[in-house]
Amino acid sequence: FVMNPALKKEGWGERPSAAEASRFAKAGNGSSAKAAFAPERIQILDGSGDMSNARRVKTLLTSKGFRIARIGKSDKGLWKRTILYYKKDSERRAEQVAGAIPGRLLLRPLKWRSVYDIILVVGKDRAAP
């Protein structure tokens, strides 16, 4: 568990005690306490042809408290636009990720199986001048 130092100063993101986790699990909708506190898995893929663009977006998001699970290259070639794909149950978090990135990007629901909850494909529209 890695905590963003800026959020820790404000008291955000502390792990709950075992008693608190148990209370949340009992009060919830049948999901486990672990699931209630599990962060979304975010993957950033470079679709611009220059990995430095994806690295810049990763740096931006991590500076705002998001945890990135993986960064890599898109296997679908070059992308004109930046697109953020999300699983249905991660739509709200996807909107937060999109809001942390300046400029426009497209949000689309994931239509395939993935171990990631959010996949951000950085397109040529994010290329450095």
Protein backbone atom coordinates (compact mmCIF):
# COMPACT_ATOMS: atom_id res chain seq x y z
CA PHE A 1 0.00 0.00 0.00
CA VAL A 2 1.63 3.23 -1.19
CA MET A 3 0.24 6.56 -0.02
CA ASN A 4 0.60 9.86 -1.82
CA PRO A 5 2.41 12.11 0.73
CA ALA A 6 0.18 15.10 -0.05
CA LEU A 7 -2.95 13.11 0.78
CA LYS A 8 -1.39 11.57 3.88
CA LYS A 9 -0.80 15.05 5.37
CA GLU A 10 -4.52 15.68 5.07
CA GLY A 11 -5.39 12.34 6.72
CA TRP A 12 -6.70 10.72 3.53
CA GLY A 13 -6.10 7.15 2.57
CA GLU A 14 -5.21 5.66 5.93
CA ARG A 15 -5.89 1.94 6.11
CA PRO A 16 -8.86 1.10 8.30
CA SER A 17 -8.37 -0.95 11.43
CA ALA A 18 -9.57 -4.56 11.35
CA ALA A 19 -12.67 -3.54 13.34
CA GLU A 20 -13.48 -0.70 10.90
CA ALA A 21 -12.98 -2.96 7.89
CA SER A 22 -15.28 -5.55 9.42
CA ARG A 23 -17.91 -2.88 10.13
CA PHE A 24 -17.77 -1.64 6.52
CA ALA A 25 -18.05 -5.19 5.19
CA LYS A 26 -21.13 -5.87 7.34
CA ALA A 27 -22.75 -2.55 6.39
CA GLY A 28 -22.02 -3.01 2.68
CA ASN A 29 -23.87 -4.89 0.00
CA GLY A 30 -22.23 -8.23 0.65
CA SER A 31 -18.86 -7.29 -0.79
CA SER A 32 -15.75 -7.95 1.23
CA ALA A 33 -13.86 -5.26 3.14
CA LYS A 34 -10.88 -5.84 0.86
CA ALA A 35 -12.98 -5.00 -2.21
CA ALA A 36 -14.37 -1.90 -0.49
CA PHE A 37 -10.87 -0.46 -0.15
CA ALA A 38 -9.18 -1.83 -3.27
CA PRO A 39 -8.01 0.91 -5.64
CA GLU A 40 -8.84 0.72 -9.32
CA ARG A 41 -6.16 -0.80 -11.52
CA ILE A 42 -5.13 1.85 -14.03
CA GLN A 43 -3.08 1.11 -17.14
CA ILE A 44 -1.60 3.80 -19.40
CA LEU A 45 -0.76 2.85 -22.98
CA ASP A 46 1.17 4.99 -25.43
CA GLY A 47 -0.61 5.31 -28.75
CA SER A 48 1.27 8.43 -29.86
CA GLY A 49 4.47 6.69 -30.95
CA ASP A 50 6.51 8.41 -28.22
CA MET A 51 6.60 6.79 -24.75
CA SER A 52 7.56 10.12 -23.17
CA ASN A 53 3.96 11.29 -23.72
CA ALA A 54 2.60 8.35 -21.71
CA ARG A 55 5.26 8.93 -19.03
CA ARG A 56 4.23 12.61 -18.74
CA VAL A 57 0.58 11.59 -18.23
CA LYS A 58 1.67 9.01 -15.63
CA THR A 59 3.67 11.66 -13.76
CA LEU A 60 0.71 14.03 -13.85
CA LEU A 61 -1.72 11.42 -12.53
CA THR A 62 0.59 10.12 -9.80
CA SER A 63 1.20 13.70 -8.65
CA LYS A 64 -2.57 13.97 -8.17
CA GLY A 65 -2.77 10.79 -6.09
CA PHE A 66 -3.68 8.17 -8.69
CA ARG A 67 -1.84 4.84 -8.60
CA ILE A 68 -0.80 3.52 -11.99
CA ALA A 69 -0.53 -0.28 -12.21
CA ARG A 70 1.23 -0.43 -15.59
CA ILE A 71 2.51 1.71 -18.42
CA GLY A 72 3.27 0.35 -21.88
CA LYS A 73 2.83 0.67 -25.64
CA SER A 74 -0.45 0.14 -27.45
CA ASP A 75 -0.38 -2.93 -29.64
CA LYS A 76 -3.00 -1.34 -31.93
CA GLY A 77 -0.63 1.18 -33.54
CA LEU A 78 -0.96 4.96 -33.47
CA TRP A 79 -4.04 6.69 -32.09
CA LYS A 80 -5.14 10.18 -33.13
CA ARG A 81 -7.11 10.85 -29.96
CA THR A 82 -6.60 10.08 -26.29
CA ILE A 83 -9.27 7.67 -25.07
CA LEU A 84 -10.03 6.51 -21.54
CA TYR A 85 -11.73 3.12 -21.31
CA TYR A 86 -13.37 2.03 -18.06
CA LYS A 87 -15.27 -0.88 -16.56
CA LYS A 88 -18.89 -0.11 -15.66
CA ASP A 89 -18.25 -0.11 -11.91
CA SER A 90 -15.29 2.30 -12.35
CA GLU A 91 -17.10 5.04 -14.28
CA ARG A 92 -16.95 7.58 -11.45
CA ARG A 93 -13.22 7.02 -10.92
CA ALA A 94 -12.66 7.24 -14.68
CA GLU A 95 -14.34 10.65 -14.68
CA GLN A 96 -11.97 11.73 -11.88
CA VAL A 97 -8.97 10.53 -13.91
CA ALA A 98 -10.28 12.38 -16.99
CA GLY A 99 -10.78 15.54 -14.91
CA ALA A 100 -7.15 15.41 -13.78
CA ILE A 101 -5.89 15.55 -17.37
CA PRO A 102 -6.03 18.95 -19.09
CA GLY A 103 -7.72 19.13 -22.47
CA ARG A 104 -10.32 16.92 -24.07
CA LEU A 105 -10.35 13.17 -24.15
CA LEU A 106 -12.94 10.56 -24.98
CA LEU A 107 -14.45 8.28 -22.33
CA ARG A 108 -15.66 4.88 -23.45
CA PRO A 109 -16.86 1.81 -21.54
CA LEU A 110 -14.66 -1.28 -21.83
CA LYS A 111 -16.23 -3.82 -24.14
CA TRP A 112 -13.65 -6.55 -23.58
CA ARG A 113 -12.29 -8.42 -20.57
CA SER A 114 -9.36 -6.82 -18.81
CA VAL A 115 -7.52 -7.11 -15.52
CA TYR A 116 -7.47 -3.30 -15.50
CA ASP A 117 -10.43 -1.18 -14.40
CA ILE A 118 -9.29 1.86 -16.36
CA ILE A 119 -7.17 1.91 -19.53
CA LEU A 120 -5.91 5.27 -20.80
CA VAL A 121 -4.56 5.26 -24.35
CA VAL A 122 -2.48 8.39 -24.89
CA GLY A 123 -2.97 9.54 -28.49
CA LYS A 124 -1.08 11.90 -30.79
CA ASP A 125 -3.23 14.78 -29.48
CA ARG A 126 -1.12 14.62 -26.26
CA ALA A 127 2.21 14.83 -28.10
CA ALA A 128 4.65 17.43 -26.82
CA PRO A 129 5.13 20.39 -29.18
